[in-house]
Amino acid sequence: MKPFGKNHIIISVITFVILFLMNYLGNDLPDKLQRALLTAFAGVVGLTIGLFILNRAKDDKNPPQNFD
């Protein structure tokens, strides 16, 4: 999956909604909106960084030698 492609945007939106709802509905503290937004945004950023790392190593022509 290519970062910032159509599939990445769809999965990012789904991830954001799921994380936001899990944190917003399950929290009784007064700042639950800010916590839910921050957690959902951090989840999408982590997903994007992971896809960058995965996509960077995808077309590697020189894999590590003697890899078991």
N, C-alpha and C. Protein backbone atom coordinates (compact mmCIF):
# COMPACT_ATOMS: atom_id res chain seq x y z
N MET A 1 0.85 -1.17 0.00
CA MET A 1 0.00 0.00 0.00
C MET A 1 0.90 1.24 0.00
N LYS A 2 0.62 2.15 -0.91
CA LYS A 2 1.41 3.36 -1.05
C LYS A 2 0.92 4.42 -0.06
N PRO A 3 1.84 5.07 0.66
CA PRO A 3 1.42 6.14 1.57
C PRO A 3 0.74 7.27 0.80
N PHE A 4 -0.31 7.79 1.35
CA PHE A 4 -1.13 8.88 0.82
C PHE A 4 -1.83 8.51 -0.49
N GLY A 5 -1.99 7.22 -0.73
CA GLY A 5 -2.80 6.77 -1.84
C GLY A 5 -4.25 6.66 -1.39
N LYS A 6 -5.08 6.18 -2.28
CA LYS A 6 -6.51 6.07 -1.98
C LYS A 6 -6.77 5.12 -0.81
N ASN A 7 -6.10 3.95 -0.83
CA ASN A 7 -6.30 2.98 0.25
C ASN A 7 -5.78 3.50 1.59
N HIS A 8 -4.67 4.22 1.56
CA HIS A 8 -4.11 4.76 2.81
C HIS A 8 -5.06 5.78 3.43
N ILE A 9 -5.66 6.62 2.61
CA ILE A 9 -6.59 7.63 3.13
C ILE A 9 -7.81 6.95 3.75
N ILE A 10 -8.33 5.93 3.09
CA ILE A 10 -9.51 5.21 3.61
C ILE A 10 -9.18 4.54 4.94
N ILE A 11 -8.05 3.85 5.01
CA ILE A 11 -7.67 3.16 6.25
C ILE A 11 -7.37 4.17 7.36
N SER A 12 -6.79 5.32 7.01
CA SER A 12 -6.51 6.35 8.01
C SER A 12 -7.80 6.91 8.60
N VAL A 13 -8.80 7.14 7.76
CA VAL A 13 -10.08 7.66 8.25
C VAL A 13 -10.75 6.63 9.15
N ILE A 14 -10.74 5.38 8.75
CA ILE A 14 -11.34 4.32 9.58
C ILE A 14 -10.62 4.21 10.91
N THR A 15 -9.28 4.26 10.88
CA THR A 15 -8.48 4.19 12.11
C THR A 15 -8.80 5.37 13.02
N PHE A 16 -8.88 6.57 12.44
CA PHE A 16 -9.18 7.76 13.24
C PHE A 16 -10.54 7.64 13.91
N VAL A 17 -11.54 7.21 13.17
CA VAL A 17 -12.90 7.11 13.72
C VAL A 17 -12.96 6.06 14.84
N ILE A 18 -12.34 4.92 14.62
CA ILE A 18 -12.37 3.86 15.64
C ILE A 18 -11.66 4.31 16.91
N LEU A 19 -10.45 4.88 16.77
CA LEU A 19 -9.72 5.32 17.96
C LEU A 19 -10.44 6.46 18.67
N PHE A 20 -11.00 7.39 17.89
CA PHE A 20 -11.72 8.50 18.51
C PHE A 20 -12.91 8.00 19.31
N LEU A 21 -13.72 7.14 18.70
CA LEU A 21 -14.91 6.65 19.41
C LEU A 21 -14.56 5.81 20.63
N MET A 22 -13.52 5.00 20.52
CA MET A 22 -13.11 4.19 21.67
C MET A 22 -12.71 5.08 22.85
N ASN A 23 -11.99 6.16 22.57
CA ASN A 23 -11.52 7.02 23.65
C ASN A 23 -12.59 8.01 24.11
N TYR A 24 -13.45 8.45 23.23
CA TYR A 24 -14.47 9.42 23.62
C TYR A 24 -15.59 8.78 24.43
N LEU A 25 -16.05 7.63 23.98
CA LEU A 25 -17.16 6.98 24.67
C LEU A 25 -16.74 6.30 25.97
N GLY A 26 -15.48 5.89 26.06
CA GLY A 26 -15.05 5.17 27.25
C GLY A 26 -14.36 6.02 28.29
N ASN A 27 -14.46 7.34 28.18
CA ASN A 27 -13.75 8.23 29.08
C ASN A 27 -14.75 9.12 29.80
N ASP A 28 -14.58 9.26 31.12
CA ASP A 28 -15.48 10.10 31.92
C ASP A 28 -14.81 11.38 32.40
N LEU A 29 -13.59 11.63 32.02
CA LEU A 29 -12.87 12.82 32.47
C LEU A 29 -13.37 14.07 31.72
N PRO A 30 -13.17 15.24 32.30
CA PRO A 30 -13.69 16.46 31.67
C PRO A 30 -13.04 16.80 30.33
N ASP A 31 -11.82 16.36 30.10
CA ASP A 31 -11.13 16.69 28.84
C ASP A 31 -11.15 15.52 27.86
N LYS A 32 -12.26 14.81 27.82
CA LYS A 32 -12.31 13.60 26.99
C LYS A 32 -12.25 13.90 25.50
N LEU A 33 -12.73 15.05 25.04
CA LEU A 33 -12.67 15.39 23.62
C LEU A 33 -11.22 15.59 23.18
N GLN A 34 -10.45 16.34 23.96
CA GLN A 34 -9.05 16.58 23.61
C GLN A 34 -8.24 15.29 23.63
N ARG A 35 -8.47 14.46 24.63
CA ARG A 35 -7.74 13.18 24.71
C ARG A 35 -8.08 12.27 23.54
N ALA A 36 -9.35 12.22 23.19
CA ALA A 36 -9.77 11.36 22.09
C ALA A 36 -9.19 11.84 20.76
N LEU A 37 -9.20 13.16 20.53
CA LEU A 37 -8.64 13.69 19.29
C LEU A 37 -7.13 13.45 19.21
N LEU A 38 -6.44 13.67 20.32
CA LEU A 38 -4.98 13.49 20.32
C LEU A 38 -4.61 12.02 20.11
N THR A 39 -5.32 11.11 20.76
CA THR A 39 -5.03 9.69 20.59
C THR A 39 -5.33 9.22 19.17
N ALA A 40 -6.43 9.67 18.61
CA ALA A 40 -6.78 9.27 17.24
C ALA A 40 -5.78 9.83 16.25
N PHE A 41 -5.37 11.08 16.42
CA PHE A 41 -4.38 11.69 15.53
C PHE A 41 -3.04 10.96 15.65
N ALA A 42 -2.63 10.61 16.87
CA ALA A 42 -1.37 9.89 17.07
C ALA A 42 -1.44 8.50 16.43
N GLY A 43 -2.58 7.86 16.45
CA GLY A 43 -2.72 6.56 15.80
C GLY A 43 -2.57 6.65 14.29
N VAL A 44 -3.12 7.69 13.70
CA VAL A 44 -3.00 7.88 12.25
C VAL A 44 -1.56 8.23 11.88
N VAL A 45 -0.89 9.04 12.69
CA VAL A 45 0.52 9.37 12.42
C VAL A 45 1.38 8.12 12.53
N GLY A 46 1.14 7.29 13.52
CA GLY A 46 1.88 6.04 13.66
C GLY A 46 1.65 5.10 12.48
N LEU A 47 0.43 5.03 12.01
CA LEU A 47 0.11 4.23 10.83
C LEU A 47 0.87 4.73 9.61
N THR A 48 0.91 6.04 9.43
CA THR A 48 1.59 6.64 8.28
C THR A 48 3.10 6.38 8.34
N ILE A 49 3.69 6.54 9.51
CA ILE A 49 5.13 6.28 9.66
C ILE A 49 5.42 4.81 9.38
N GLY A 50 4.60 3.92 9.88
CA GLY A 50 4.79 2.50 9.61
C GLY A 50 4.69 2.17 8.13
N LEU A 51 3.78 2.81 7.42
CA LEU A 51 3.66 2.58 5.98
C LEU A 51 4.86 3.14 5.22
N PHE A 52 5.39 4.27 5.67
CA PHE A 52 6.60 4.80 5.03
C PHE A 52 7.76 3.81 5.18
N ILE A 53 7.93 3.26 6.37
CA ILE A 53 9.02 2.30 6.60
C ILE A 53 8.79 1.03 5.79
N LEU A 54 7.57 0.54 5.77
CA LEU A 54 7.25 -0.67 5.02
C LEU A 54 7.44 -0.46 3.52
N ASN A 55 6.99 0.67 3.01
CA ASN A 55 7.07 0.94 1.58
C ASN A 55 8.51 1.23 1.14
N ARG A 56 9.32 1.78 2.03
CA ARG A 56 10.72 2.07 1.70
C ARG A 56 11.51 0.79 1.48
N ALA A 57 11.27 -0.23 2.28
CA ALA A 57 12.00 -1.48 2.19
C ALA A 57 11.37 -2.45 1.20
N LYS A 58 10.26 -2.08 0.59
CA LYS A 58 9.54 -2.99 -0.29
C LYS A 58 10.32 -3.31 -1.57
N ASP A 59 10.93 -2.33 -2.18
CA ASP A 59 11.63 -2.52 -3.45
C ASP A 59 13.15 -2.58 -3.28
N ASP A 60 13.60 -3.10 -2.17
CA ASP A 60 15.04 -3.18 -1.91
C ASP A 60 15.66 -4.29 -2.74
N LYS A 61 16.64 -3.93 -3.57
CA LYS A 61 17.29 -4.92 -4.45
C LYS A 61 18.44 -5.64 -3.75
N ASN A 62 18.91 -5.10 -2.64
CA ASN A 62 20.03 -5.69 -1.91
C ASN A 62 19.61 -6.05 -0.48
N PRO A 63 18.99 -7.20 -0.29
CA PRO A 63 18.58 -7.58 1.06
C PRO A 63 19.81 -7.91 1.92
N PRO A 64 19.67 -7.93 3.22
CA PRO A 64 20.80 -8.27 4.09
C PRO A 64 21.33 -9.67 3.78
N GLN A 65 22.64 -9.82 3.80
CA GLN A 65 23.27 -11.10 3.51
C GLN A 65 23.18 -12.03 4.72
N ASN A 66 23.10 -13.32 4.46
CA ASN A 66 23.05 -14.35 5.50
C ASN A 66 21.88 -14.14 6.47
N PHE A 67 20.76 -13.77 5.94
CA PHE A 67 19.56 -13.57 6.77
C PHE A 67 18.86 -14.90 6.93
N ASP A 68 18.70 -15.34 8.19
CA ASP A 68 18.07 -16.64 8.45
C ASP A 68 16.60 -16.49 8.65
